[in-house]
N, C-alpha and C. Protein backbone atom coordinates (compact mmCIF):
# COMPACT_ATOMS: atom_id res chain seq x y z
N MET A 1 86.02 84.33 103.65
CA MET A 1 86.33 82.96 103.82
C MET A 1 85.62 82.38 105.01
N THR A 2 85.33 81.11 104.96
CA THR A 2 84.60 80.49 106.16
C THR A 2 85.59 80.33 107.30
N ALA A 3 85.14 80.07 108.46
CA ALA A 3 85.89 79.82 109.63
C ALA A 3 86.81 78.63 109.44
N GLY A 4 86.35 77.63 108.73
CA GLY A 4 87.15 76.43 108.48
C GLY A 4 88.32 76.72 107.60
N VAL A 5 88.11 77.47 106.53
CA VAL A 5 89.18 77.86 105.66
C VAL A 5 90.21 78.77 106.39
N PHE A 6 89.66 79.66 107.13
CA PHE A 6 90.51 80.61 107.95
C PHE A 6 91.44 79.79 108.87
N ASN A 7 90.90 78.83 109.54
CA ASN A 7 91.68 77.95 110.39
C ASN A 7 92.79 77.20 109.69
N GLN A 8 92.42 76.71 108.48
CA GLN A 8 93.39 75.98 107.62
C GLN A 8 94.52 76.94 107.20
N VAL A 9 94.16 78.14 106.74
CA VAL A 9 95.18 79.09 106.35
C VAL A 9 96.14 79.45 107.54
N CYS A 10 95.52 79.63 108.69
CA CYS A 10 96.36 79.94 109.89
C CYS A 10 97.19 78.74 110.22
N TYR A 11 96.70 77.56 110.18
CA TYR A 11 97.55 76.34 110.51
C TYR A 11 98.70 76.26 109.53
N ARG A 12 98.40 76.43 108.20
CA ARG A 12 99.51 76.29 107.23
C ARG A 12 100.51 77.44 107.39
N THR A 13 100.02 78.66 107.77
CA THR A 13 100.95 79.81 107.94
C THR A 13 101.77 79.65 109.19
N GLU A 14 101.15 79.30 110.29
CA GLU A 14 101.87 79.33 111.57
C GLU A 14 102.57 78.02 111.91
N GLN A 15 101.97 76.88 111.57
CA GLN A 15 102.57 75.58 111.91
C GLN A 15 103.45 75.01 110.82
N ARG A 16 103.13 75.21 109.59
CA ARG A 16 103.93 74.72 108.48
C ARG A 16 104.76 75.69 107.81
N GLU A 17 104.68 76.97 108.33
CA GLU A 17 105.49 78.08 107.79
C GLU A 17 105.33 78.28 106.32
N GLU A 18 104.12 78.17 105.80
CA GLU A 18 103.76 78.42 104.48
C GLU A 18 103.31 79.89 104.28
N ASN A 19 103.56 80.45 103.25
CA ASN A 19 102.99 81.79 102.87
C ASN A 19 101.86 81.55 101.94
N VAL A 20 100.61 81.56 102.40
CA VAL A 20 99.42 81.23 101.67
C VAL A 20 99.00 82.44 100.81
N ALA A 21 98.82 82.23 99.49
CA ALA A 21 98.43 83.28 98.59
C ALA A 21 96.99 83.66 98.88
N LEU A 22 96.68 84.94 99.01
CA LEU A 22 95.32 85.47 99.32
C LEU A 22 94.89 86.57 98.38
N PHE A 23 93.62 86.71 98.23
CA PHE A 23 93.10 87.77 97.37
C PHE A 23 92.02 88.50 98.20
N ASN A 24 92.14 89.80 98.28
CA ASN A 24 91.22 90.69 99.00
C ASN A 24 90.09 90.98 98.07
N ILE A 25 88.89 90.53 98.42
CA ILE A 25 87.68 90.70 97.51
C ILE A 25 87.19 92.15 97.55
N LYS A 26 87.54 92.95 98.58
CA LYS A 26 87.10 94.39 98.64
C LYS A 26 87.93 95.25 97.82
N ASN A 27 89.28 95.17 97.99
CA ASN A 27 90.17 96.07 97.28
C ASN A 27 90.91 95.46 96.08
N LYS A 28 90.64 94.17 95.83
CA LYS A 28 91.17 93.48 94.66
C LYS A 28 92.74 93.30 94.72
N MET A 29 93.35 93.32 95.91
CA MET A 29 94.77 93.14 96.01
C MET A 29 95.17 91.77 96.31
N LEU A 30 96.38 91.38 95.98
CA LEU A 30 96.97 90.04 96.25
C LEU A 30 97.99 90.19 97.30
N GLY A 31 98.15 89.15 98.08
CA GLY A 31 99.19 89.14 99.09
C GLY A 31 99.45 87.70 99.56
N HIS A 32 100.37 87.54 100.50
CA HIS A 32 100.67 86.30 101.06
C HIS A 32 100.72 86.32 102.59
N SER A 33 100.11 85.37 103.22
CA SER A 33 100.04 85.35 104.68
C SER A 33 101.39 85.19 105.35
N PHE A 34 101.56 85.82 106.54
CA PHE A 34 102.72 85.57 107.36
C PHE A 34 102.33 85.51 108.79
N GLY A 35 101.11 85.65 109.17
CA GLY A 35 100.60 85.52 110.59
C GLY A 35 99.10 85.59 110.60
N CYS A 36 98.59 85.22 111.79
CA CYS A 36 97.16 85.24 112.04
C CYS A 36 96.85 85.71 113.47
N THR A 37 95.71 86.37 113.67
CA THR A 37 95.19 86.72 114.91
C THR A 37 93.86 86.02 115.06
N LYS A 38 93.84 84.91 115.70
CA LYS A 38 92.55 84.12 115.75
C LYS A 38 91.43 84.79 116.53
N SER A 39 91.78 85.57 117.59
CA SER A 39 90.72 86.19 118.33
C SER A 39 89.99 87.31 117.51
N GLY A 40 90.74 88.00 116.65
CA GLY A 40 90.16 88.99 115.83
C GLY A 40 89.81 88.51 114.44
N GLU A 41 90.14 87.22 114.14
CA GLU A 41 89.88 86.61 112.84
C GLU A 41 90.48 87.43 111.69
N THR A 42 91.80 87.83 111.87
CA THR A 42 92.51 88.51 110.85
C THR A 42 93.78 87.77 110.44
N ILE A 43 94.20 88.06 109.20
CA ILE A 43 95.36 87.44 108.69
C ILE A 43 96.33 88.64 108.32
N GLN A 44 97.55 88.52 108.77
CA GLN A 44 98.59 89.51 108.40
C GLN A 44 99.15 89.09 107.06
N VAL A 45 99.23 90.11 106.16
CA VAL A 45 99.56 89.81 104.78
C VAL A 45 100.61 90.69 104.28
N LYS A 46 101.58 90.13 103.47
CA LYS A 46 102.54 90.92 102.78
C LYS A 46 101.99 91.06 101.36
N LEU A 47 101.83 92.30 100.88
CA LEU A 47 101.26 92.54 99.63
C LEU A 47 102.29 92.40 98.53
N THR A 48 101.82 92.26 97.29
CA THR A 48 102.76 92.03 96.23
C THR A 48 103.65 93.28 95.97
N ASN A 49 103.32 94.43 96.47
CA ASN A 49 104.14 95.61 96.37
C ASN A 49 105.14 95.83 97.47
N GLY A 50 105.14 94.77 98.39
CA GLY A 50 106.12 94.81 99.50
C GLY A 50 105.51 95.41 100.82
N GLU A 51 104.37 96.04 100.70
CA GLU A 51 103.76 96.59 102.00
C GLU A 51 103.11 95.51 102.76
N TYR A 52 102.85 95.86 104.02
CA TYR A 52 102.12 94.91 104.97
C TYR A 52 100.81 95.41 105.25
N ASP A 53 99.83 94.46 105.50
CA ASP A 53 98.44 94.83 105.86
C ASP A 53 97.83 93.67 106.65
N SER A 54 96.74 93.91 107.19
CA SER A 54 95.93 92.96 108.00
C SER A 54 94.57 92.89 107.42
N TRP A 55 94.11 91.71 107.07
CA TRP A 55 92.77 91.53 106.39
C TRP A 55 91.93 90.66 107.28
N SER A 56 90.66 91.00 107.45
CA SER A 56 89.70 90.13 108.17
C SER A 56 89.36 88.97 107.28
N ARG A 57 88.93 87.92 107.87
CA ARG A 57 88.65 86.71 107.11
C ARG A 57 87.46 86.91 106.18
N ASP A 58 86.55 87.92 106.49
CA ASP A 58 85.43 88.15 105.65
C ASP A 58 85.78 88.89 104.36
N GLU A 59 86.95 89.48 104.28
CA GLU A 59 87.29 90.23 103.07
C GLU A 59 88.30 89.59 102.18
N CYS A 60 88.72 88.37 102.49
CA CYS A 60 89.67 87.65 101.63
C CYS A 60 89.36 86.28 101.40
N GLU A 61 90.00 85.67 100.34
CA GLU A 61 89.89 84.27 100.00
C GLU A 61 91.22 83.82 99.58
N GLU A 62 91.40 82.46 99.59
CA GLU A 62 92.60 81.89 99.14
C GLU A 62 92.76 82.07 97.66
N SER A 63 93.95 82.35 97.22
CA SER A 63 94.17 82.50 95.77
C SER A 63 95.14 81.38 95.43
N TYR A 64 95.18 81.05 94.15
CA TYR A 64 95.99 79.86 93.77
C TYR A 64 97.13 80.38 92.81
N SER A 65 97.78 81.50 93.20
CA SER A 65 98.90 81.99 92.47
C SER A 65 100.20 81.35 93.05
N GLU A 66 101.38 81.68 92.48
CA GLU A 66 102.58 81.08 92.95
C GLU A 66 102.95 81.81 94.23
N PRO A 67 103.59 81.02 95.22
CA PRO A 67 103.98 81.65 96.48
C PRO A 67 105.22 82.50 96.31
N LEU A 68 105.46 83.40 97.26
CA LEU A 68 106.66 84.32 97.21
C LEU A 68 107.93 83.51 97.28
């Protein structure tokens, strides 16, 4: 995802308390954002199986599935 989209996802996640649906283009997993690390350009994600992970902005994109 571009830096602009990353900033929008982080704003929605941290300021509006939204869980943004994301798709990891490397491992084909789906998850929802719950935090961001702007200095490392990563998004903390809760996966659909309940596990937690951290994805770099380069390996994910916004998905348009239903929120958790």
